[in-house]
Amino acid sequence: MESPAGHRLPGGEHPNPEGDAIRAIERYIVMPGQATVYKIGMVHVLALREQAHERLGDAFGLTGFHRAMLGHGLVPISIIEERIDAWAQELSDTPEAKSRLRPSYCGS
């Protein structure tokens, strides 16, 4: 398989359609840092999710986490951190949530 730019691609089975693979390779050629930035963001979001889960215990929910993270549109990661922290604080302040928090976060 060869891309429109003339780059040879490995043969064999591919999990994605050929056109998708070609576009990805061309994107990495034009913007080599894009994949690195994407991965750094992914790792950061997973860490925020784990921290929120540890803080909230059984009160944690992916739907609420996603709403808190994505509810303000495209914003810098520092703002996302603030939103996740505010969401977790708000959730942990409710009586129902306090009964489901992990002991290390109950203040006892």
PDB file of N, CA and C in Angstrom:
ATOM      1  N   MET A   1       0.861  -1.175   0.000  1.00  0.00           N
ATOM      2  CA  MET A   1       0.000   0.000   0.000  1.00  0.00           C
ATOM      3  C   MET A   1       0.903   1.232   0.000  1.00  0.00           C
ATOM      4  N   GLU A   2       0.513   2.240  -0.751  1.00  0.00           N
ATOM      5  CA  GLU A   2       1.301   3.470  -0.839  1.00  0.00           C
ATOM      6  C   GLU A   2       0.372   4.660  -0.674  1.00  0.00           C
ATOM      7  N   SER A   3       0.832   5.653   0.087  1.00  0.00           N
ATOM      8  CA  SER A   3       0.024   6.853   0.297  1.00  0.00           C
ATOM      9  C   SER A   3       0.120   7.758  -0.917  1.00  0.00           C
ATOM     10  N   PRO A   4      -0.816   8.718  -1.029  1.00  0.00           N
ATOM     11  CA  PRO A   4      -0.739   9.671  -2.141  1.00  0.00           C
ATOM     12  C   PRO A   4       0.586  10.436  -2.157  1.00  0.00           C
ATOM     13  N   ALA A   5       1.217  10.599  -1.003  1.00  0.00           N
ATOM     14  CA  ALA A   5       2.493  11.306  -0.946  1.00  0.00           C
ATOM     15  C   ALA A   5       3.661  10.393  -1.322  1.00  0.00           C
ATOM     16  N   GLY A   6       3.364   9.136  -1.634  1.00  0.00           N
ATOM     17  CA  GLY A   6       4.407   8.214  -2.060  1.00  0.00           C
ATOM     18  C   GLY A   6       5.058   7.434  -0.929  1.00  0.00           C
ATOM     19  N   HIS A   7       4.521   7.500   0.258  1.00  0.00           N
ATOM     20  CA  HIS A   7       5.094   6.773   1.384  1.00  0.00           C
ATOM     21  C   HIS A   7       4.586   5.332   1.376  1.00  0.00           C
ATOM     22  N   ARG A   8       5.499   4.403   1.519  1.00  0.00           N
ATOM     23  CA  ARG A   8       5.118   2.991   1.559  1.00  0.00           C
ATOM     24  C   ARG A   8       4.605   2.636   2.937  1.00  0.00           C
ATOM     25  N   LEU A   9       3.488   1.962   2.969  1.00  0.00           N
ATOM     26  CA  LEU A   9       2.887   1.517   4.210  1.00  0.00           C
ATOM     27  C   LEU A   9       3.077   0.010   4.333  1.00  0.00           C
ATOM     28  N   PRO A  10       3.193  -0.494   5.571  1.00  0.00           N
ATOM     29  CA  PRO A  10       3.370  -1.939   5.725  1.00  0.00           C
ATOM     30  C   PRO A  10       2.165  -2.691   5.190  1.00  0.00           C
ATOM     31  N   GLY A  11       2.405  -3.869   4.639  1.00  0.00           N
ATOM     32  CA  GLY A  11       1.321  -4.684   4.094  1.00  0.00           C
ATOM     33  C   GLY A  11       0.661  -5.493   5.184  1.00  0.00           C
ATOM     34  N   GLY A  12      -0.270  -6.331   4.785  1.00  0.00           N
ATOM     35  CA  GLY A  12      -0.951  -7.188   5.744  1.00  0.00           C
ATOM     36  C   GLY A  12      -2.269  -6.604   6.201  1.00  0.00           C
ATOM     37  N   GLU A  13      -2.800  -7.198   7.247  1.00  0.00           N
ATOM     38  CA  GLU A  13      -4.087  -6.784   7.784  1.00  0.00           C
ATOM     39  C   GLU A  13      -3.964  -5.455   8.531  1.00  0.00           C
ATOM     40  N   HIS A  14      -4.976  -4.613   8.403  1.00  0.00           N
ATOM     41  CA  HIS A  14      -5.000  -3.323   9.084  1.00  0.00           C
ATOM     42  C   HIS A  14      -6.329  -3.179   9.815  1.00  0.00           C
ATOM     43  N   PRO A  15      -6.303  -2.663  11.056  1.00  0.00           N
ATOM     44  CA  PRO A  15      -7.555  -2.502  11.794  1.00  0.00           C
ATOM     45  C   PRO A  15      -8.412  -1.354  11.275  1.00  0.00           C
ATOM     46  N   ASN A  16      -7.806  -0.423  10.530  1.00  0.00           N
ATOM     47  CA  ASN A  16      -8.521   0.748  10.018  1.00  0.00           C
ATOM     48  C   ASN A  16      -8.511   0.717   8.496  1.00  0.00           C
ATOM     49  N   PRO A  17      -9.506   1.377   7.886  1.00  0.00           N
ATOM     50  CA  PRO A  17      -9.503   1.464   6.422  1.00  0.00           C
ATOM     51  C   PRO A  17      -8.217   2.139   5.926  1.00  0.00           C
ATOM     52  N   GLU A  18      -7.796   1.776   4.750  1.00  0.00           N
ATOM     53  CA  GLU A  18      -6.548   2.291   4.177  1.00  0.00           C
ATOM     54  C   GLU A  18      -6.522   3.815   4.142  1.00  0.00           C
ATOM     55  N   GLY A  19      -7.616   4.444   3.777  1.00  0.00           N
ATOM     56  CA  GLY A  19      -7.661   5.904   3.711  1.00  0.00           C
ATOM     57  C   GLY A  19      -7.417   6.548   5.069  1.00  0.00           C
ATOM     58  N   ASP A  20      -7.949   5.938   6.136  1.00  0.00           N
ATOM     59  CA  ASP A  20      -7.728   6.463   7.486  1.00  0.00           C
ATOM     60  C   ASP A  20      -6.252   6.380   7.861  1.00  0.00           C
ATOM     61  N   ALA A  21      -5.619   5.268   7.519  1.00  0.00           N
ATOM     62  CA  ALA A  21      -4.200   5.092   7.846  1.00  0.00           C
ATOM     63  C   ALA A  21      -3.346   6.110   7.092  1.00  0.00           C
ATOM     64  N   ILE A  22      -3.673   6.334   5.849  1.00  0.00           N
ATOM     65  CA  ILE A  22      -2.918   7.307   5.045  1.00  0.00           C
ATOM     66  C   ILE A  22      -3.078   8.709   5.621  1.00  0.00           C
ATOM     67  N   ARG A  23      -4.312   9.095   5.972  1.00  0.00           N
ATOM     68  CA  ARG A  23      -4.539  10.422   6.546  1.00  0.00           C
ATOM     69  C   ARG A  23      -3.795  10.582   7.880  1.00  0.00           C
ATOM     70  N   ALA A  24      -3.770   9.540   8.682  1.00  0.00           N
ATOM     71  CA  ALA A  24      -3.067   9.619   9.969  1.00  0.00           C
ATOM     72  C   ALA A  24      -1.576   9.818   9.747  1.00  0.00           C
ATOM     73  N   ILE A  25      -1.002   9.060   8.844  1.00  0.00           N
ATOM     74  CA  ILE A  25       0.437   9.187   8.567  1.00  0.00           C
ATOM     75  C   ILE A  25       0.753  10.584   8.040  1.00  0.00           C
ATOM     76  N   GLU A  26      -0.057  11.076   7.130  1.00  0.00           N
ATOM     77  CA  GLU A  26       0.179  12.417   6.589  1.00  0.00           C
ATOM     78  C   GLU A  26       0.025  13.482   7.668  1.00  0.00           C
ATOM     79  N   ARG A  27      -0.934  13.290   8.581  1.00  0.00           N
ATOM     80  CA  ARG A  27      -1.109  14.238   9.678  1.00  0.00           C
ATOM     81  C   ARG A  27       0.133  14.242  10.570  1.00  0.00           C
ATOM     82  N   TYR A  28       0.678  13.077  10.851  1.00  0.00           N
ATOM     83  CA  TYR A  28       1.879  13.000  11.694  1.00  0.00           C
ATOM     84  C   TYR A  28       3.089  13.614  10.996  1.00  0.00           C
ATOM     85  N   ILE A  29       3.137  13.536   9.674  1.00  0.00           N
ATOM     86  CA  ILE A  29       4.235  14.147   8.931  1.00  0.00           C
ATOM     87  C   ILE A  29       4.129  15.670   9.002  1.00  0.00           C
ATOM     88  N   VAL A  30       2.923  16.198   8.833  1.00  0.00           N
ATOM     89  CA  VAL A  30       2.709  17.646   8.828  1.00  0.00           C
ATOM     90  C   VAL A  30       2.783  18.230  10.234  1.00  0.00           C
ATOM     91  N   MET A  31       2.228  17.506  11.210  1.00  0.00           N
ATOM     92  CA  MET A  31       2.180  17.976  12.612  1.00  0.00           C
ATOM     93  C   MET A  31       2.746  16.879  13.517  1.00  0.00           C
ATOM     94  N   PRO A  32       4.054  16.721  13.556  1.00  0.00           N
ATOM     95  CA  PRO A  32       4.627  15.597  14.307  1.00  0.00           C
ATOM     96  C   PRO A  32       4.334  15.616  15.802  1.00  0.00           C
ATOM     97  N   GLY A  33       4.079  16.761  16.379  1.00  0.00           N
ATOM     98  CA  GLY A  33       3.798  16.829  17.807  1.00  0.00           C
ATOM     99  C   GLY A  33       2.357  16.530  18.174  1.00  0.00           C
ATOM    100  N   GLN A  34       1.471  16.424  17.184  1.00  0.00           N
ATOM    101  CA  GLN A  34       0.047  16.243  17.444  1.00  0.00           C
ATOM    102  C   GLN A  34      -0.225  14.974  18.232  1.00  0.00           C
ATOM    103  N   ALA A  35       0.372  13.872  17.855  1.00  0.00           N
ATOM    104  CA  ALA A  35       0.120  12.610  18.549  1.00  0.00           C
ATOM    105  C   ALA A  35       0.648  12.662  19.977  1.00  0.00           C
ATOM    106  N   THR A  36       1.783  13.321  20.172  1.00  0.00           N
ATOM    107  CA  THR A  36       2.357  13.440  21.515  1.00  0.00           C
ATOM    108  C   THR A  36       1.450  14.272  22.413  1.00  0.00           C
ATOM    109  N   VAL A  37       0.959  15.386  21.901  1.00  0.00           N
ATOM    110  CA  VAL A  37       0.072  16.248  22.678  1.00  0.00           C
ATOM    111  C   VAL A  37      -1.224  15.510  23.003  1.00  0.00           C
ATOM    112  N   TYR A  38      -1.753  14.778  22.049  1.00  0.00           N
ATOM    113  CA  TYR A  38      -2.966  13.991  22.278  1.00  0.00           C
ATOM    114  C   TYR A  38      -2.743  12.997  23.414  1.00  0.00           C
ATOM    115  N   LYS A  39      -1.620  12.276  23.362  1.00  0.00           N
ATOM    116  CA  LYS A  39      -1.337  11.259  24.380  1.00  0.00           C
ATOM    117  C   LYS A  39      -1.126  11.889  25.752  1.00  0.00           C
ATOM    118  N   ILE A  40      -0.429  13.016  25.816  1.00  0.00           N
ATOM    119  CA  ILE A  40      -0.228  13.714  27.095  1.00  0.00           C
ATOM    120  C   ILE A  40      -1.579  14.121  27.675  1.00  0.00           C
ATOM    121  N   GLY A  41      -2.464  14.658  26.848  1.00  0.00           N
ATOM    122  CA  GLY A  41      -3.800  15.032  27.307  1.00  0.00           C
ATOM    123  C   GLY A  41      -4.587  13.837  27.791  1.00  0.00           C
ATOM    124  N   MET A  42      -4.501  12.725  27.055  1.00  0.00           N
ATOM    125  CA  MET A  42      -5.211  11.512  27.446  1.00  0.00           C
ATOM    126  C   MET A  42      -4.737  11.015  28.815  1.00  0.00           C
ATOM    127  N   VAL A  43      -3.431  10.982  29.008  1.00  0.00           N
ATOM    128  CA  VAL A  43      -2.866  10.522  30.272  1.00  0.00           C
ATOM    129  C   VAL A  43      -3.303  11.450  31.414  1.00  0.00           C
ATOM    130  N   HIS A  44      -3.325  12.749  31.149  1.00  0.00           N
ATOM    131  CA  HIS A  44      -3.732  13.718  32.167  1.00  0.00           C
ATOM    132  C   HIS A  44      -5.206  13.533  32.549  1.00  0.00           C
ATOM    133  N   VAL A  45      -6.063  13.339  31.564  1.00  0.00           N
ATOM    134  CA  VAL A  45      -7.487  13.140  31.829  1.00  0.00           C
ATOM    135  C   VAL A  45      -7.700  11.841  32.600  1.00  0.00           C
ATOM    136  N   LEU A  46      -6.980  10.785  32.251  1.00  0.00           N
ATOM    137  CA  LEU A  46      -7.105   9.530  32.991  1.00  0.00           C
ATOM    138  C   LEU A  46      -6.663   9.699  34.440  1.00  0.00           C
ATOM    139  N   ALA A  47      -5.623  10.500  34.667  1.00  0.00           N
ATOM    140  CA  ALA A  47      -5.164  10.764  36.037  1.00  0.00           C
ATOM    141  C   ALA A  47      -6.219  11.558  36.806  1.00  0.00           C
ATOM    142  N   LEU A  48      -6.832  12.555  36.172  1.00  0.00           N
ATOM    143  CA  LEU A  48      -7.907  13.318  36.824  1.00  0.00           C
ATOM    144  C   LEU A  48      -9.071  12.405  37.180  1.00  0.00           C
ATOM    145  N   ARG A  49      -9.403  11.497  36.269  1.00  0.00           N
ATOM    146  CA  ARG A  49     -10.502  10.567  36.517  1.00  0.00           C
ATOM    147  C   ARG A  49     -10.188   9.656  37.702  1.00  0.00           C
ATOM    148  N   GLU A  50      -8.970   9.148  37.752  1.00  0.00           N
ATOM    149  CA  GLU A  50      -8.572   8.270  38.853  1.00  0.00           C
ATOM    150  C   GLU A  50      -8.581   9.035  40.184  1.00  0.00           C
ATOM    151  N   GLN A  51      -8.086  10.267  40.181  1.00  0.00           N
ATOM    152  CA  GLN A  51      -8.090  11.076  41.404  1.00  0.00           C
ATOM    153  C   GLN A  51      -9.519  11.319  41.886  1.00  0.00           C
ATOM    154  N   ALA A  52     -10.413  11.646  40.956  1.00  0.00           N
ATOM    155  CA  ALA A  52     -11.813  11.888  41.325  1.00  0.00           C
ATOM    156  C   ALA A  52     -12.441  10.601  41.854  1.00  0.00           C
ATOM    157  N   HIS A  53     -12.131   9.488  41.226  1.00  0.00           N
ATOM    158  CA  HIS A  53     -12.681   8.206  41.673  1.00  0.00           C
ATOM    159  C   HIS A  53     -12.178   7.861  43.073  1.00  0.00           C
ATOM    160  N   GLU A  54     -10.890   8.083  43.317  1.00  0.00           N
ATOM    161  CA  GLU A  54     -10.338   7.821  44.648  1.00  0.00           C
ATOM    162  C   GLU A  54     -10.966   8.740  45.695  1.00  0.00           C
ATOM    163  N   ARG A  55     -11.194   9.979  45.325  1.00  0.00           N
ATOM    164  CA  ARG A  55     -11.761  10.957  46.254  1.00  0.00           C
ATOM    165  C   ARG A  55     -13.220  10.649  46.577  1.00  0.00           C
ATOM    166  N   LEU A  56     -13.986  10.251  45.557  1.00  0.00           N
ATOM    167  CA  LEU A  56     -15.426  10.088  45.719  1.00  0.00           C
ATOM    168  C   LEU A  56     -15.864   8.658  46.006  1.00  0.00           C
ATOM    169  N   GLY A  57     -15.022   7.702  45.760  1.00  0.00           N
ATOM    170  CA  GLY A  57     -15.401   6.308  45.996  1.00  0.00           C
ATOM    171  C   GLY A  57     -16.604   5.912  45.176  1.00  0.00           C
ATOM    172  N   ASP A  58     -17.596   5.297  45.837  1.00  0.00           N
ATOM    173  CA  ASP A  58     -18.792   4.824  45.144  1.00  0.00           C
ATOM    174  C   ASP A  58     -19.672   5.962  44.631  1.00  0.00           C
ATOM    175  N   ALA A  59     -19.443   7.179  45.097  1.00  0.00           N
ATOM    176  CA  ALA A  59     -20.216   8.331  44.624  1.00  0.00           C
ATOM    177  C   ALA A  59     -19.745   8.783  43.239  1.00  0.00           C
ATOM    178  N   PHE A  60     -18.595   8.280  42.799  1.00  0.00           N
ATOM    179  CA  PHE A  60     -18.053   8.639  41.482  1.00  0.00           C
ATOM    180  C   PHE A  60     -18.908   8.007  40.386  1.00  0.00           C
ATOM    181  N   GLY A  61     -19.140   8.775  39.331  1.00  0.00           N
ATOM    182  CA  GLY A  61     -19.838   8.255  38.155  1.00  0.00           C
ATOM    183  C   GLY A  61     -19.230   8.827  36.896  1.00  0.00           C
ATOM    184  N   LEU A  62     -19.042   7.987  35.891  1.00  0.00           N
ATOM    185  CA  LEU A  62     -18.443   8.455  34.637  1.00  0.00           C
ATOM    186  C   LEU A  62     -19.288   9.515  33.947  1.00  0.00           C
ATOM    187  N   THR A  63     -20.598   9.389  34.016  1.00  0.00           N
ATOM    188  CA  THR A  63     -21.456  10.380  33.360  1.00  0.00           C
ATOM    189  C   THR A  63     -21.229  11.762  33.958  1.00  0.00           C
ATOM    190  N   GLY A  64     -21.229  11.855  35.271  1.00  0.00           N
ATOM    191  CA  GLY A  64     -20.983  13.136  35.926  1.00  0.00           C
ATOM    192  C   GLY A  64     -19.590  13.656  35.648  1.00  0.00           C
ATOM    193  N   PHE A  65     -18.606  12.760  35.662  1.00  0.00           N
ATOM    194  CA  PHE A  65     -17.229  13.157  35.360  1.00  0.00           C
ATOM    195  C   PHE A  65     -17.149  13.733  33.951  1.00  0.00           C
ATOM    196  N   HIS A  66     -17.753  13.054  32.997  1.00  0.00           N
ATOM    197  CA  HIS A  66     -17.704  13.533  31.609  1.00  0.00           C
ATOM    198  C   HIS A  66     -18.417  14.872  31.457  1.00  0.00           C
ATOM    199  N   ARG A  67     -19.544  15.027  32.137  1.00  0.00           N
ATOM    200  CA  ARG A  67     -20.251  16.318  32.068  1.00  0.00           C
ATOM    201  C   ARG A  67     -19.410  17.438  32.661  1.00  0.00           C
ATOM    202  N   ALA A  68     -18.761  17.162  33.792  1.00  0.00           N
ATOM    203  CA  ALA A  68     -17.915  18.182  34.418  1.00  0.00           C
ATOM    204  C   ALA A  68     -16.722  18.516  33.531  1.00  0.00           C
ATOM    205  N   MET A  69     -16.175  17.517  32.878  1.00  0.00           N
ATOM    206  CA  MET A  69     -14.982  17.725  32.063  1.00  0.00           C
ATOM    207  C   MET A  69     -15.311  18.415  30.734  1.00  0.00           C
ATOM    208  N   LEU A  70     -16.396  18.020  30.118  1.00  0.00           N
ATOM    209  CA  LEU A  70     -16.706  18.510  28.769  1.00  0.00           C
ATOM    210  C   LEU A  70     -17.747  19.621  28.726  1.00  0.00           C
ATOM    211  N   GLY A  71     -18.371  19.903  29.864  1.00  0.00           N
ATOM    212  CA  GLY A  71     -19.495  20.835  29.901  1.00  0.00           C
ATOM    213  C   GLY A  71     -19.181  22.276  29.582  1.00  0.00           C
ATOM    214  N   HIS A  72     -17.929  22.644  29.545  1.00  0.00           N
ATOM    215  CA  HIS A  72     -17.567  24.041  29.281  1.00  0.00           C
ATOM    216  C   HIS A  72     -16.856  24.194  27.954  1.00  0.00           C
ATOM    217  N   GLY A  73     -16.933  23.188  27.113  1.00  0.00           N
ATOM    218  CA  GLY A  73     -16.345  23.264  25.785  1.00  0.00           C
ATOM    219  C   GLY A  73     -14.842  23.136  25.805  1.00  0.00           C
ATOM    220  N   LEU A  74     -14.226  23.665  24.781  1.00  0.00           N
ATOM    221  CA  LEU A  74     -12.785  23.575  24.596  1.00  0.00           C
ATOM    222  C   LEU A  74     -12.090  24.601  25.493  1.00  0.00           C
ATOM    223  N   VAL A  75     -11.465  24.110  26.553  1.00  0.00           N
ATOM    224  CA  VAL A  75     -10.777  24.976  27.511  1.00  0.00           C
ATOM    225  C   VAL A  75      -9.419  24.368  27.855  1.00  0.00           C
ATOM    226  N   PRO A  76      -8.496  25.161  28.386  1.00  0.00           N
ATOM    227  CA  PRO A  76      -7.192  24.627  28.777  1.00  0.00           C
ATOM    228  C   PRO A  76      -7.328  23.574  29.877  1.00  0.00           C
ATOM    229  N   ILE A  77      -6.345  22.691  29.957  1.00  0.00           N
ATOM    230  CA  ILE A  77      -6.376  21.608  30.931  1.00  0.00           C
ATOM    231  C   ILE A  77      -6.447  22.139  32.359  1.00  0.00           C
ATOM    232  N   SER A  78      -5.868  23.304  32.623  1.00  0.00           N
ATOM    233  CA  SER A  78      -5.933  23.872  33.977  1.00  0.00           C
ATOM    234  C   SER A  78      -7.375  24.188  34.369  1.00  0.00           C
ATOM    235  N   ILE A  79      -8.191  24.624  33.416  1.00  0.00           N
ATOM    236  CA  ILE A  79      -9.605  24.901  33.684  1.00  0.00           C
ATOM    237  C   ILE A  79     -10.355  23.588  33.895  1.00  0.00           C
ATOM    238  N   ILE A  80     -10.019  22.576  33.127  1.00  0.00           N
ATOM    239  CA  ILE A  80     -10.637  21.265  33.311  1.00  0.00           C
ATOM    240  C   ILE A  80     -10.328  20.743  34.709  1.00  0.00           C
ATOM    241  N   GLU A  81      -9.083  20.906  35.158  1.00  0.00           N
ATOM    242  CA  GLU A  81      -8.715  20.490  36.515  1.00  0.00           C
ATOM    243  C   GLU A  81      -9.584  21.202  37.552  1.00  0.00           C
ATOM    244  N   GLU A  82      -9.762  22.504  37.380  1.00  0.00           N
ATOM    245  CA  GLU A  82     -10.593  23.279  38.305  1.00  0.00           C
ATOM    246  C   GLU A  82     -12.034  22.789  38.296  1.00  0.00           C
ATOM    247  N   ARG A  83     -12.573  22.505  37.105  1.00  0.00           N
ATOM    248  CA  ARG A  83     -13.951  22.040  36.977  1.00  0.00           C
ATOM    249  C   ARG A  83     -14.126  20.670  37.624  1.00  0.00           C
ATOM    250  N   ILE A  84     -13.174  19.782  37.429  1.00  0.00           N
ATOM    251  CA  ILE A  84     -13.267  18.446  38.030  1.00  0.00           C
ATOM    252  C   ILE A  84     -13.184  18.565  39.549  1.00  0.00           C
ATOM    253  N   ASP A  85     -12.297  19.413  40.034  1.00  0.00           N
ATOM    254  CA  ASP A  85     -12.173  19.604  41.475  1.00  0.00           C
ATOM    255  C   ASP A  85     -13.471  20.178  42.056  1.00  0.00           C
ATOM    256  N   ALA A  86     -14.047  21.175  41.391  1.00  0.00           N
ATOM    257  CA  ALA A  86     -15.301  21.775  41.855  1.00  0.00           C
ATOM    258  C   ALA A  86     -16.436  20.753  41.821  1.00  0.00           C
ATOM    259  N   TRP A  87     -16.489  19.945  40.758  1.00  0.00           N
ATOM    260  CA  TRP A  87     -17.518  18.911  40.650  1.00  0.00           C
ATOM    261  C   TRP A  87     -17.387  17.904  41.786  1.00  0.00           C
ATOM    262  N   ALA A  88     -16.161  17.449  42.034  1.00  0.00           N
ATOM    263  CA  ALA A  88     -15.937  16.466  43.101  1.00  0.00           C
ATOM    264  C   ALA A  88     -16.267  17.078  44.458  1.00  0.00           C
ATOM    265  N   GLN A  89     -15.908  18.337  44.668  1.00  0.00           N
ATOM    266  CA  GLN A  89     -16.213  19.001  45.941  1.00  0.00           C
ATOM    267  C   GLN A  89     -17.719  19.134  46.127  1.00  0.00           C
ATOM    268  N   GLU A  90     -18.396  19.565  45.080  1.00  0.00           N
ATOM    269  CA  GLU A  90     -19.851  19.718  45.146  1.00  0.00           C
ATOM    270  C   GLU A  90     -20.522  18.378  45.429  1.00  0.00           C
ATOM    271  N   LEU A  91     -20.070  17.352  44.752  1.00  0.00           N
ATOM    272  CA  LEU A  91     -20.653  16.030  44.938  1.00  0.00           C
ATOM    273  C   LEU A  91     -20.360  15.488  46.332  1.00  0.00           C
ATOM    274  N   SER A  92     -19.162  15.725  46.819  1.00  0.00           N
ATOM    275  CA  SER A  92     -18.808  15.191  48.140  1.00  0.00           C
ATOM    276  C   SER A  92     -19.489  15.959  49.273  1.00  0.00           C
ATOM    277  N   ASP A  93     -20.027  17.145  48.981  1.00  0.00           N
ATOM    278  CA  ASP A  93     -20.721  17.933  49.999  1.00  0.00           C
ATOM    279  C   ASP A  93     -22.170  17.512  50.206  1.00  0.00           C
ATOM    280  N   THR A  94     -22.723  16.679  49.322  1.00  0.00           N
ATOM    281  CA  THR A  94     -24.114  16.256  49.484  1.00  0.00           C
ATOM    282  C   THR A  94     -24.198  15.128  50.505  1.00  0.00           C
ATOM    283  N   PRO A  95     -25.259  15.103  51.309  1.00  0.00           N
ATOM    284  CA  PRO A  95     -25.391  14.049  52.327  1.00  0.00           C
ATOM    285  C   PRO A  95     -25.377  12.641  51.737  1.00  0.00           C
ATOM    286  N   GLU A  96     -26.030  12.474  50.561  1.00  0.00           N
ATOM    287  CA  GLU A  96     -26.058  11.152  49.936  1.00  0.00           C
ATOM    288  C   GLU A  96     -24.656  10.706  49.558  1.00  0.00           C
ATOM    289  N   ALA A  97     -23.873  11.640  49.026  1.00  0.00           N
ATOM    290  CA  ALA A  97     -22.515  11.306  48.606  1.00  0.00           C
ATOM    291  C   ALA A  97     -21.636  11.014  49.807  1.00  0.00           C
ATOM    292  N   LYS A  98     -21.817  11.774  50.882  1.00  0.00           N
ATOM    293  CA  LYS A  98     -20.986  11.565  52.071  1.00  0.00           C
ATOM    294  C   LYS A  98     -21.127  10.144  52.602  1.00  0.00           C
ATOM    295  N   SER A  99     -22.305   9.566  52.444  1.00  0.00           N
ATOM    296  CA  SER A  99     -22.502   8.202  52.928  1.00  0.00           C
ATOM    297  C   SER A  99     -21.795   7.182  52.044  1.00  0.00           C
ATOM    298  N   ARG A 100     -21.436   7.589  50.808  1.00  0.00           N
ATOM    299  CA  ARG A 100     -20.780   6.665  49.893  1.00  0.00           C
ATOM    300  C   ARG A 100     -19.299   6.962  49.680  1.00  0.00           C
ATOM    301  N   LEU A 101     -18.780   8.003  50.325  1.00  0.00           N
ATOM    302  CA  LEU A 101     -17.371   8.364  50.157  1.00  0.00           C
ATOM    303  C   LEU A 101     -16.479   7.325  50.816  1.00  0.00           C
ATOM    304  N   ARG A 102     -15.303   7.215  50.284  1.00  0.00           N
ATOM    305  CA  ARG A 102     -14.318   6.339  50.911  1.00  0.00           C
ATOM    306  C   ARG A 102     -13.890   6.960  52.227  1.00  0.00           C
ATOM    307  N   PRO A 103     -13.595   6.173  53.244  1.00  0.00           N
ATOM    308  CA  PRO A 103     -13.307   6.677  54.576  1.00  0.00           C
ATOM    309  C   PRO A 103     -12.226   7.754  54.640  1.00  0.00           C
ATOM    310  N   SER A 104     -11.198   7.691  53.817  1.00  0.00           N
ATOM    311  CA  SER A 104     -10.117   8.671  53.906  1.00  0.00           C
ATOM    312  C   SER A 104     -10.570  10.073  53.513  1.00  0.00           C
ATOM    313  N   TYR A 105     -11.742  10.194  52.890  1.00  0.00           N
ATOM    314  CA  TYR A 105     -12.223  11.505  52.476  1.00  0.00           C
ATOM    315  C   TYR A 105     -13.441  11.961  53.287  1.00  0.00           C
ATOM    316  N   CYS A 106     -13.782  11.250  54.329  1.00  0.00           N
ATOM    317  CA  CYS A 106     -14.957  11.608  55.129  1.00  0.00           C
ATOM    318  C   CYS A 106     -14.609  12.587  56.242  1.00  0.00           C
ATOM    319  N   GLY A 107     -13.353  12.876  56.447  1.00  0.00           N
ATOM    320  CA  GLY A 107     -12.958  13.805  57.491  1.00  0.00           C
ATOM    321  C   GLY A 107     -12.987  13.188  58.868  1.00  0.00           C
ATOM    322  N   SER A 108     -13.064  11.861  58.949  1.00  0.00           N
ATOM    323  CA  SER A 108     -13.086  11.207  60.257  1.00  0.00           C
ATOM    324  C   SER A 108     -11.750  10.596  60.596  1.00  0.00           C
TER     325      SER A 108
END
